Amino acid sequence: MSQELPSGLQDFVFPLVIFDDVLWPSDSAATLVRAADLPEPYRGLLAHTDHMTVTMEAFYGSPVDVRVLDAQRVGEFYHRRIVLTLQSTGQIVQYGLVRIDLRLCTPPVRSAILSQHTPLGRILIEHNVLRRIEPIAFLSIEPGPTLIEAMKLAKPARLYGRTGVIFCDDRPAIAALEVPAPV
């Protein structure tokens, strides 16, 4: 897991790494931490190269659904702010931001993403997209009112997250910020 990115990839990921004001709640603060410094269970939930959809489903023992809080297209880039919820209870288990280069998605994958009904990880798996997940940075997050409301937190609690890139067919197609709910 690297902090250094090739120059073309840096331009793709950088807006999410610094939390583009369009999506990231400006009333929350994040600092970089090393994966080794993440407390459990967050290290196990974040320091890996698997889809968070699969990770959350395994951790909670329930399939997850996606709820899109905000979405927009800027040219061929699609941005969305989401929460993943347990199908069994509706409990929010993850907050996320994604930036997807739709030019790198097949028409069926693009259609499934834009329909906003299925978690991104499940879409890529079901469509057999050759993918590689590269975590870039790990974060300690002090949530502000916007993030507290989005995650339906009863009170402020330290959160942990990761930024990363999902390579589809060996091309950097998706930049993501993933923040598990407090456990």
Foldseek 3Di string as FASTA:
>chain_A
DEQDDDPVVCVVAVCVVVPPVVGDPPQKDKDFDDLVPDDPPVSVQAVDWADNQVSVCVVVVAHKKKDWPDWDDDDQKIKTWIFIAGPVPRQTWKTKIKIFRNVPDDVVLSVVVVVRTHDNRVSCVVVVFDKTKAWNTKIWMFDDPVVCVRNVPPDTDIWMWTWIFMQTVNHGGMIMIMITDDD
